[in-house]
Amino acid sequence: MKINSKKIIDNFLLANLFLVIIFSLYFIFAVFMQINGEGIYIIFFQKFWNPLIVPLITILIVSSLLSGITSWLQRKVRSLEEDI
């Protein structure tokens, strides 16, 4: 049984993206509830901000940057190979 590391990383990053989306939707809900006088939801969100949500957002941004850089480098290498 061969472990495909690219598939594992892709699944991890996909799950990370969905978690960021879910927390974003929850944040919008919490702000709406804060406006209506229910502050418990935003307090719950704040408790998870530093230990959970910030690393999720950081992983998402870093992986997007790395993906963009690697695809740019691959195109650059291909264009250099075609010039030869």
PDB file of N, CA and C in Angstrom:
ATOM      1  N   MET A   1       0.836  -1.174   0.000  1.00  0.00           N
ATOM      2  CA  MET A   1       0.000   0.000   0.000  1.00  0.00           C
ATOM      3  C   MET A   1       0.886   1.244   0.000  1.00  0.00           C
ATOM      4  N   LYS A   2       0.813   2.004  -1.072  1.00  0.00           N
ATOM      5  CA  LYS A   2       1.639   3.193  -1.226  1.00  0.00           C
ATOM      6  C   LYS A   2       0.846   4.412  -0.767  1.00  0.00           C
ATOM      7  N   ILE A   3       1.467   5.218   0.076  1.00  0.00           N
ATOM      8  CA  ILE A   3       0.815   6.434   0.557  1.00  0.00           C
ATOM      9  C   ILE A   3       1.152   7.563  -0.404  1.00  0.00           C
ATOM     10  N   ASN A   4       0.129   8.178  -0.949  1.00  0.00           N
ATOM     11  CA  ASN A   4       0.313   9.282  -1.878  1.00  0.00           C
ATOM     12  C   ASN A   4       0.329  10.581  -1.073  1.00  0.00           C
ATOM     13  N   SER A   5       1.508  11.140  -0.875  1.00  0.00           N
ATOM     14  CA  SER A   5       1.639  12.320  -0.017  1.00  0.00           C
ATOM     15  C   SER A   5       0.945  13.537  -0.628  1.00  0.00           C
ATOM     16  N   LYS A   6       0.944  13.658  -1.956  1.00  0.00           N
ATOM     17  CA  LYS A   6       0.268  14.796  -2.576  1.00  0.00           C
ATOM     18  C   LYS A   6      -1.235  14.744  -2.309  1.00  0.00           C
ATOM     19  N   LYS A   7      -1.810  13.560  -2.356  1.00  0.00           N
ATOM     20  CA  LYS A   7      -3.247  13.428  -2.101  1.00  0.00           C
ATOM     21  C   LYS A   7      -3.564  13.770  -0.642  1.00  0.00           C
ATOM     22  N   ILE A   8      -2.706  13.346   0.278  1.00  0.00           N
ATOM     23  CA  ILE A   8      -2.911  13.651   1.697  1.00  0.00           C
ATOM     24  C   ILE A   8      -2.827  15.154   1.939  1.00  0.00           C
ATOM     25  N   ILE A   9      -1.826  15.799   1.335  1.00  0.00           N
ATOM     26  CA  ILE A   9      -1.673  17.250   1.498  1.00  0.00           C
ATOM     27  C   ILE A   9      -2.855  17.979   0.874  1.00  0.00           C
ATOM     28  N   ASP A  10      -3.291  17.546  -0.307  1.00  0.00           N
ATOM     29  CA  ASP A  10      -4.448  18.174  -0.952  1.00  0.00           C
ATOM     30  C   ASP A  10      -5.706  18.045  -0.100  1.00  0.00           C
ATOM     31  N   ASN A  11      -5.926  16.877   0.474  1.00  0.00           N
ATOM     32  CA  ASN A  11      -7.098  16.682   1.342  1.00  0.00           C
ATOM     33  C   ASN A  11      -7.001  17.540   2.603  1.00  0.00           C
ATOM     34  N   PHE A  12      -5.807  17.644   3.167  1.00  0.00           N
ATOM     35  CA  PHE A  12      -5.610  18.487   4.352  1.00  0.00           C
ATOM     36  C   PHE A  12      -5.899  19.952   4.026  1.00  0.00           C
ATOM     37  N   LEU A  13      -5.393  20.430   2.893  1.00  0.00           N
ATOM     38  CA  LEU A  13      -5.614  21.828   2.517  1.00  0.00           C
ATOM     39  C   LEU A  13      -7.075  22.087   2.158  1.00  0.00           C
ATOM     40  N   LEU A  14      -7.739  21.108   1.578  1.00  0.00           N
ATOM     41  CA  LEU A  14      -9.162  21.255   1.289  1.00  0.00           C
ATOM     42  C   LEU A  14      -9.979  21.340   2.581  1.00  0.00           C
ATOM     43  N   ALA A  15      -9.662  20.480   3.533  1.00  0.00           N
ATOM     44  CA  ALA A  15     -10.334  20.539   4.831  1.00  0.00           C
ATOM     45  C   ALA A  15     -10.048  21.873   5.521  1.00  0.00           C
ATOM     46  N   ASN A  16      -8.820  22.353   5.390  1.00  0.00           N
ATOM     47  CA  ASN A  16      -8.445  23.645   5.969  1.00  0.00           C
ATOM     48  C   ASN A  16      -9.277  24.773   5.358  1.00  0.00           C
ATOM     49  N   LEU A  17      -9.452  24.738   4.042  1.00  0.00           N
ATOM     50  CA  LEU A  17     -10.251  25.751   3.364  1.00  0.00           C
ATOM     51  C   LEU A  17     -11.690  25.736   3.873  1.00  0.00           C
ATOM     52  N   PHE A  18     -12.273  24.547   3.987  1.00  0.00           N
ATOM     53  CA  PHE A  18     -13.651  24.470   4.467  1.00  0.00           C
ATOM     54  C   PHE A  18     -13.787  24.937   5.916  1.00  0.00           C
ATOM     55  N   LEU A  19     -12.793  24.642   6.744  1.00  0.00           N
ATOM     56  CA  LEU A  19     -12.829  25.131   8.122  1.00  0.00           C
ATOM     57  C   LEU A  19     -12.764  26.656   8.173  1.00  0.00           C
ATOM     58  N   VAL A  20     -11.937  27.259   7.334  1.00  0.00           N
ATOM     59  CA  VAL A  20     -11.855  28.721   7.282  1.00  0.00           C
ATOM     60  C   VAL A  20     -13.192  29.302   6.832  1.00  0.00           C
ATOM     61  N   ILE A  21     -13.819  28.676   5.845  1.00  0.00           N
ATOM     62  CA  ILE A  21     -15.123  29.149   5.377  1.00  0.00           C
ATOM     63  C   ILE A  21     -16.175  29.017   6.477  1.00  0.00           C
ATOM     64  N   ILE A  22     -16.186  27.891   7.165  1.00  0.00           N
ATOM     65  CA  ILE A  22     -17.160  27.671   8.244  1.00  0.00           C
ATOM     66  C   ILE A  22     -16.972  28.691   9.361  1.00  0.00           C
ATOM     67  N   PHE A  23     -15.709  28.921   9.773  1.00  0.00           N
ATOM     68  CA  PHE A  23     -15.459  29.905  10.824  1.00  0.00           C
ATOM     69  C   PHE A  23     -15.795  31.316  10.362  1.00  0.00           C
ATOM     70  N   SER A  24     -15.621  31.603   9.070  1.00  0.00           N
ATOM     71  CA  SER A  24     -15.999  32.919   8.549  1.00  0.00           C
ATOM     72  C   SER A  24     -17.513  33.121   8.627  1.00  0.00           C
ATOM     73  N   LEU A  25     -18.246  32.086   8.245  1.00  0.00           N
ATOM     74  CA  LEU A  25     -19.710  32.170   8.336  1.00  0.00           C
ATOM     75  C   LEU A  25     -20.163  32.297   9.790  1.00  0.00           C
ATOM     76  N   TYR A  26     -19.500  31.568  10.678  1.00  0.00           N
ATOM     77  CA  TYR A  26     -19.840  31.677  12.098  1.00  0.00           C
ATOM     78  C   TYR A  26     -19.534  33.077  12.620  1.00  0.00           C
ATOM     79  N   PHE A  27     -18.424  33.667  12.158  1.00  0.00           N
ATOM     80  CA  PHE A  27     -18.077  35.017  12.584  1.00  0.00           C
ATOM     81  C   PHE A  27     -19.144  36.019  12.146  1.00  0.00           C
ATOM     82  N   ILE A  28     -19.622  35.887  10.906  1.00  0.00           N
ATOM     83  CA  ILE A  28     -20.688  36.772  10.433  1.00  0.00           C
ATOM     84  C   ILE A  28     -21.939  36.600  11.293  1.00  0.00           C
ATOM     85  N   PHE A  29     -22.272  35.354  11.613  1.00  0.00           N
ATOM     86  CA  PHE A  29     -23.404  35.075  12.486  1.00  0.00           C
ATOM     87  C   PHE A  29     -23.193  35.693  13.868  1.00  0.00           C
ATOM     88  N   ALA A  30     -21.987  35.548  14.417  1.00  0.00           N
ATOM     89  CA  ALA A  30     -21.689  36.069  15.756  1.00  0.00           C
ATOM     90  C   ALA A  30     -21.774  37.590  15.791  1.00  0.00           C
ATOM     91  N   VAL A  31     -21.300  38.246  14.736  1.00  0.00           N
ATOM     92  CA  VAL A  31     -21.394  39.707  14.682  1.00  0.00           C
ATOM     93  C   VAL A  31     -22.854  40.136  14.595  1.00  0.00           C
ATOM     94  N   PHE A  32     -23.638  39.444  13.788  1.00  0.00           N
ATOM     95  CA  PHE A  32     -25.057  39.745  13.679  1.00  0.00           C
ATOM     96  C   PHE A  32     -25.756  39.571  15.031  1.00  0.00           C
ATOM     97  N   MET A  33     -25.410  38.505  15.729  1.00  0.00           N
ATOM     98  CA  MET A  33     -26.022  38.279  17.045  1.00  0.00           C
ATOM     99  C   MET A  33     -25.533  39.309  18.069  1.00  0.00           C
ATOM    100  N   GLN A  34     -24.288  39.751  17.952  1.00  0.00           N
ATOM    101  CA  GLN A  34     -23.767  40.792  18.851  1.00  0.00           C
ATOM    102  C   GLN A  34     -24.546  42.090  18.650  1.00  0.00           C
ATOM    103  N   ILE A  35     -24.855  42.411  17.416  1.00  0.00           N
ATOM    104  CA  ILE A  35     -25.642  43.613  17.122  1.00  0.00           C
ATOM    105  C   ILE A  35     -27.026  43.500  17.744  1.00  0.00           C
ATOM    106  N   ASN A  36     -27.576  42.285  17.785  1.00  0.00           N
ATOM    107  CA  ASN A  36     -28.905  42.074  18.357  1.00  0.00           C
ATOM    108  C   ASN A  36     -28.880  41.845  19.864  1.00  0.00           C
ATOM    109  N   GLY A  37     -27.726  41.980  20.503  1.00  0.00           N
ATOM    110  CA  GLY A  37     -27.661  41.915  21.954  1.00  0.00           C
ATOM    111  C   GLY A  37     -27.236  40.589  22.542  1.00  0.00           C
ATOM    112  N   GLU A  38     -26.914  39.604  21.737  1.00  0.00           N
ATOM    113  CA  GLU A  38     -26.457  38.296  22.221  1.00  0.00           C
ATOM    114  C   GLU A  38     -24.946  38.199  22.030  1.00  0.00           C
ATOM    115  N   GLY A  39     -24.182  38.462  23.088  1.00  0.00           N
ATOM    116  CA  GLY A  39     -22.736  38.512  22.981  1.00  0.00           C
ATOM    117  C   GLY A  39     -22.021  37.187  23.184  1.00  0.00           C
ATOM    118  N   ILE A  40     -22.741  36.139  23.542  1.00  0.00           N
ATOM    119  CA  ILE A  40     -22.101  34.863  23.860  1.00  0.00           C
ATOM    120  C   ILE A  40     -21.418  34.246  22.636  1.00  0.00           C
ATOM    121  N   TYR A  41     -21.967  34.478  21.443  1.00  0.00           N
ATOM    122  CA  TYR A  41     -21.405  33.865  20.236  1.00  0.00           C
ATOM    123  C   TYR A  41     -20.061  34.482  19.862  1.00  0.00           C
ATOM    124  N   ILE A  42     -19.948  35.786  20.009  1.00  0.00           N
ATOM    125  CA  ILE A  42     -18.682  36.443  19.693  1.00  0.00           C
ATOM    126  C   ILE A  42     -17.628  36.113  20.744  1.00  0.00           C
ATOM    127  N   ILE A  43     -18.029  35.926  21.986  1.00  0.00           N
ATOM    128  CA  ILE A  43     -17.090  35.517  23.033  1.00  0.00           C
ATOM    129  C   ILE A  43     -16.568  34.113  22.745  1.00  0.00           C
ATOM    130  N   PHE A  44     -17.446  33.234  22.307  1.00  0.00           N
ATOM    131  CA  PHE A  44     -17.035  31.877  21.923  1.00  0.00           C
ATOM    132  C   PHE A  44     -16.045  31.927  20.760  1.00  0.00           C
ATOM    133  N   PHE A  45     -16.319  32.785  19.788  1.00  0.00           N
ATOM    134  CA  PHE A  45     -15.429  32.931  18.642  1.00  0.00           C
ATOM    135  C   PHE A  45     -14.062  33.455  19.079  1.00  0.00           C
ATOM    136  N   GLN A  46     -14.051  34.425  19.984  1.00  0.00           N
ATOM    137  CA  GLN A  46     -12.794  35.010  20.453  1.00  0.00           C
ATOM    138  C   GLN A  46     -11.927  34.001  21.195  1.00  0.00           C
ATOM    139  N   LYS A  47     -12.542  33.043  21.872  1.00  0.00           N
ATOM    140  CA  LYS A  47     -11.773  32.028  22.591  1.00  0.00           C
ATOM    141  C   LYS A  47     -11.007  31.125  21.633  1.00  0.00           C
ATOM    142  N   PHE A  48     -11.516  30.931  20.419  1.00  0.00           N
ATOM    143  CA  PHE A  48     -10.859  30.068  19.444  1.00  0.00           C
ATOM    144  C   PHE A  48     -10.016  30.837  18.438  1.00  0.00           C
ATOM    145  N   TRP A  49      -9.980  32.167  18.538  1.00  0.00           N
ATOM    146  CA  TRP A  49      -9.289  32.967  17.542  1.00  0.00           C
ATOM    147  C   TRP A  49      -7.791  32.641  17.476  1.00  0.00           C
ATOM    148  N   ASN A  50      -7.049  32.859  18.561  1.00  0.00           N
ATOM    149  CA  ASN A  50      -5.594  32.641  18.528  1.00  0.00           C
ATOM    150  C   ASN A  50      -5.189  31.175  18.427  1.00  0.00           C
ATOM    151  N   PRO A  51      -5.770  30.276  19.204  1.00  0.00           N
ATOM    152  CA  PRO A  51      -5.257  28.901  19.129  1.00  0.00           C
ATOM    153  C   PRO A  51      -5.694  28.106  17.896  1.00  0.00           C
ATOM    154  N   LEU A  52      -6.758  28.498  17.233  1.00  0.00           N
ATOM    155  CA  LEU A  52      -7.279  27.675  16.131  1.00  0.00           C
ATOM    156  C   LEU A  52      -7.426  28.427  14.813  1.00  0.00           C
ATOM    157  N   ILE A  53      -8.073  29.562  14.841  1.00  0.00           N
ATOM    158  CA  ILE A  53      -8.441  30.226  13.595  1.00  0.00           C
ATOM    159  C   ILE A  53      -7.237  30.912  12.936  1.00  0.00           C
ATOM    160  N   VAL A  54      -6.387  31.559  13.708  1.00  0.00           N
ATOM    161  CA  VAL A  54      -5.209  32.209  13.131  1.00  0.00           C
ATOM    162  C   VAL A  54      -4.298  31.197  12.433  1.00  0.00           C
ATOM    163  N   PRO A  55      -3.982  30.042  13.043  1.00  0.00           N
ATOM    164  CA  PRO A  55      -3.178  29.061  12.301  1.00  0.00           C
ATOM    165  C   PRO A  55      -3.862  28.544  11.033  1.00  0.00           C
ATOM    166  N   LEU A  56      -5.185  28.367  11.065  1.00  0.00           N
ATOM    167  CA  LEU A  56      -5.893  27.914   9.870  1.00  0.00           C
ATOM    168  C   LEU A  56      -5.766  28.927   8.735  1.00  0.00           C
ATOM    169  N   ILE A  57      -5.930  30.208   9.066  1.00  0.00           N
ATOM    170  CA  ILE A  57      -5.805  31.252   8.057  1.00  0.00           C
ATOM    171  C   ILE A  57      -4.370  31.342   7.554  1.00  0.00           C
ATOM    172  N   THR A  58      -3.403  31.201   8.462  1.00  0.00           N
ATOM    173  CA  THR A  58      -1.989  31.248   8.078  1.00  0.00           C
ATOM    174  C   THR A  58      -1.643  30.108   7.129  1.00  0.00           C
ATOM    175  N   ILE A  59      -2.098  28.907   7.429  1.00  0.00           N
ATOM    176  CA  ILE A  59      -1.844  27.756   6.545  1.00  0.00           C
ATOM    177  C   ILE A  59      -2.473  27.993   5.178  1.00  0.00           C
ATOM    178  N   LEU A  60      -3.672  28.550   5.150  1.00  0.00           N
ATOM    179  CA  LEU A  60      -4.349  28.822   3.883  1.00  0.00           C
ATOM    180  C   LEU A  60      -3.567  29.827   3.047  1.00  0.00           C
ATOM    181  N   ILE A  61      -3.109  30.906   3.654  1.00  0.00           N
ATOM    182  CA  ILE A  61      -2.381  31.939   2.921  1.00  0.00           C
ATOM    183  C   ILE A  61      -1.031  31.418   2.449  1.00  0.00           C
ATOM    184  N   VAL A  62      -0.292  30.731   3.323  1.00  0.00           N
ATOM    185  CA  VAL A  62       1.026  30.211   2.953  1.00  0.00           C
ATOM    186  C   VAL A  62       0.909  29.175   1.839  1.00  0.00           C
ATOM    187  N   SER A  63      -0.075  28.300   1.930  1.00  0.00           N
ATOM    188  CA  SER A  63      -0.233  27.288   0.880  1.00  0.00           C
ATOM    189  C   SER A  63      -0.622  27.933  -0.452  1.00  0.00           C
ATOM    190  N   SER A  64      -1.423  28.988  -0.415  1.00  0.00           N
ATOM    191  CA  SER A  64      -1.773  29.693  -1.651  1.00  0.00           C
ATOM    192  C   SER A  64      -0.549  30.361  -2.263  1.00  0.00           C
ATOM    193  N   LEU A  65       0.264  30.984  -1.429  1.00  0.00           N
ATOM    194  CA  LEU A  65       1.485  31.609  -1.926  1.00  0.00           C
ATOM    195  C   LEU A  65       2.448  30.574  -2.506  1.00  0.00           C
ATOM    196  N   LEU A  66       2.637  29.468  -1.803  1.00  0.00           N
ATOM    197  CA  LEU A  66       3.530  28.423  -2.304  1.00  0.00           C
ATOM    198  C   LEU A  66       3.022  27.834  -3.616  1.00  0.00           C
ATOM    199  N   SER A  67       1.730  27.649  -3.720  1.00  0.00           N
ATOM    200  CA  SER A  67       1.150  27.123  -4.952  1.00  0.00           C
ATOM    201  C   SER A  67       1.387  28.093  -6.111  1.00  0.00           C
ATOM    202  N   GLY A  68       1.176  29.363  -5.864  1.00  0.00           N
ATOM    203  CA  GLY A  68       1.400  30.363  -6.904  1.00  0.00           C
ATOM    204  C   GLY A  68       2.855  30.451  -7.320  1.00  0.00           C
ATOM    205  N   ILE A  69       3.761  30.415  -6.353  1.00  0.00           N
ATOM    206  CA  ILE A  69       5.187  30.493  -6.651  1.00  0.00           C
ATOM    207  C   ILE A  69       5.647  29.270  -7.431  1.00  0.00           C
ATOM    208  N   THR A  70       5.210  28.078  -7.002  1.00  0.00           N
ATOM    209  CA  THR A  70       5.640  26.869  -7.714  1.00  0.00           C
ATOM    210  C   THR A  70       5.085  26.816  -9.139  1.00  0.00           C
ATOM    211  N   SER A  71       3.838  27.235  -9.336  1.00  0.00           N
ATOM    212  CA  SER A  71       3.290  27.230 -10.695  1.00  0.00           C
ATOM    213  C   SER A  71       4.002  28.266 -11.562  1.00  0.00           C
ATOM    214  N   TRP A  72       4.360  29.415 -10.989  1.00  0.00           N
ATOM    215  CA  TRP A  72       5.109  30.426 -11.736  1.00  0.00           C
ATOM    216  C   TRP A  72       6.488  29.894 -12.122  1.00  0.00           C
ATOM    217  N   LEU A  73       7.149  29.223 -11.175  1.00  0.00           N
ATOM    218  CA  LEU A  73       8.469  28.659 -11.472  1.00  0.00           C
ATOM    219  C   LEU A  73       8.387  27.558 -12.526  1.00  0.00           C
ATOM    220  N   GLN A  74       7.354  26.724 -12.470  1.00  0.00           N
ATOM    221  CA  GLN A  74       7.195  25.679 -13.470  1.00  0.00           C
ATOM    222  C   GLN A  74       6.993  26.266 -14.861  1.00  0.00           C
ATOM    223  N   ARG A  75       6.184  27.323 -14.962  1.00  0.00           N
ATOM    224  CA  ARG A  75       5.989  27.976 -16.256  1.00  0.00           C
ATOM    225  C   ARG A  75       7.284  28.620 -16.740  1.00  0.00           C
ATOM    226  N   LYS A  76       8.037  29.196 -15.822  1.00  0.00           N
ATOM    227  CA  LYS A  76       9.306  29.826 -16.174  1.00  0.00           C
ATOM    228  C   LYS A  76      10.294  28.787 -16.698  1.00  0.00           C
ATOM    229  N   VAL A  77      10.367  27.632 -16.035  1.00  0.00           N
ATOM    230  CA  VAL A  77      11.282  26.568 -16.458  1.00  0.00           C
ATOM    231  C   VAL A  77      10.856  26.031 -17.822  1.00  0.00           C
ATOM    232  N   ARG A  78       9.554  25.836 -18.032  1.00  0.00           N
ATOM    233  CA  ARG A  78       9.069  25.350 -19.327  1.00  0.00           C
ATOM    234  C   ARG A  78       9.399  26.328 -20.447  1.00  0.00           C
ATOM    235  N   SER A  79       9.229  27.620 -20.179  1.00  0.00           N
ATOM    236  CA  SER A  79       9.532  28.599 -21.220  1.00  0.00           C
ATOM    237  C   SER A  79      11.028  28.645 -21.506  1.00  0.00           C
ATOM    238  N   LEU A  80      11.865  28.439 -20.504  1.00  0.00           N
ATOM    239  CA  LEU A  80      13.306  28.396 -20.732  1.00  0.00           C
ATOM    240  C   LEU A  80      13.698  27.157 -21.530  1.00  0.00           C
ATOM    241  N   GLU A  81      13.014  26.032 -21.270  1.00  0.00           N
ATOM    242  CA  GLU A  81      13.299  24.797 -22.008  1.00  0.00           C
ATOM    243  C   GLU A  81      12.877  24.913 -23.468  1.00  0.00           C
ATOM    244  N   GLU A  82      11.788  25.641 -23.719  1.00  0.00           N
ATOM    245  CA  GLU A  82      11.323  25.814 -25.089  1.00  0.00           C
ATOM    246  C   GLU A  82      12.250  26.735 -25.879  1.00  0.00           C
ATOM    247  N   ASP A  83      12.920  27.669 -25.195  1.00  0.00           N
ATOM    248  CA  ASP A  83      13.845  28.581 -25.865  1.00  0.00           C
ATOM    249  C   ASP A  83      15.129  27.887 -26.305  1.00  0.00           C
ATOM    250  N   ILE A  84      15.447  26.776 -25.675  1.00  0.00           N
ATOM    251  CA  ILE A  84      16.714  26.088 -25.969  1.00  0.00           C
ATOM    252  C   ILE A  84      16.644  25.315 -27.241  1.00  0.00           C
TER     253      ILE A  84
END
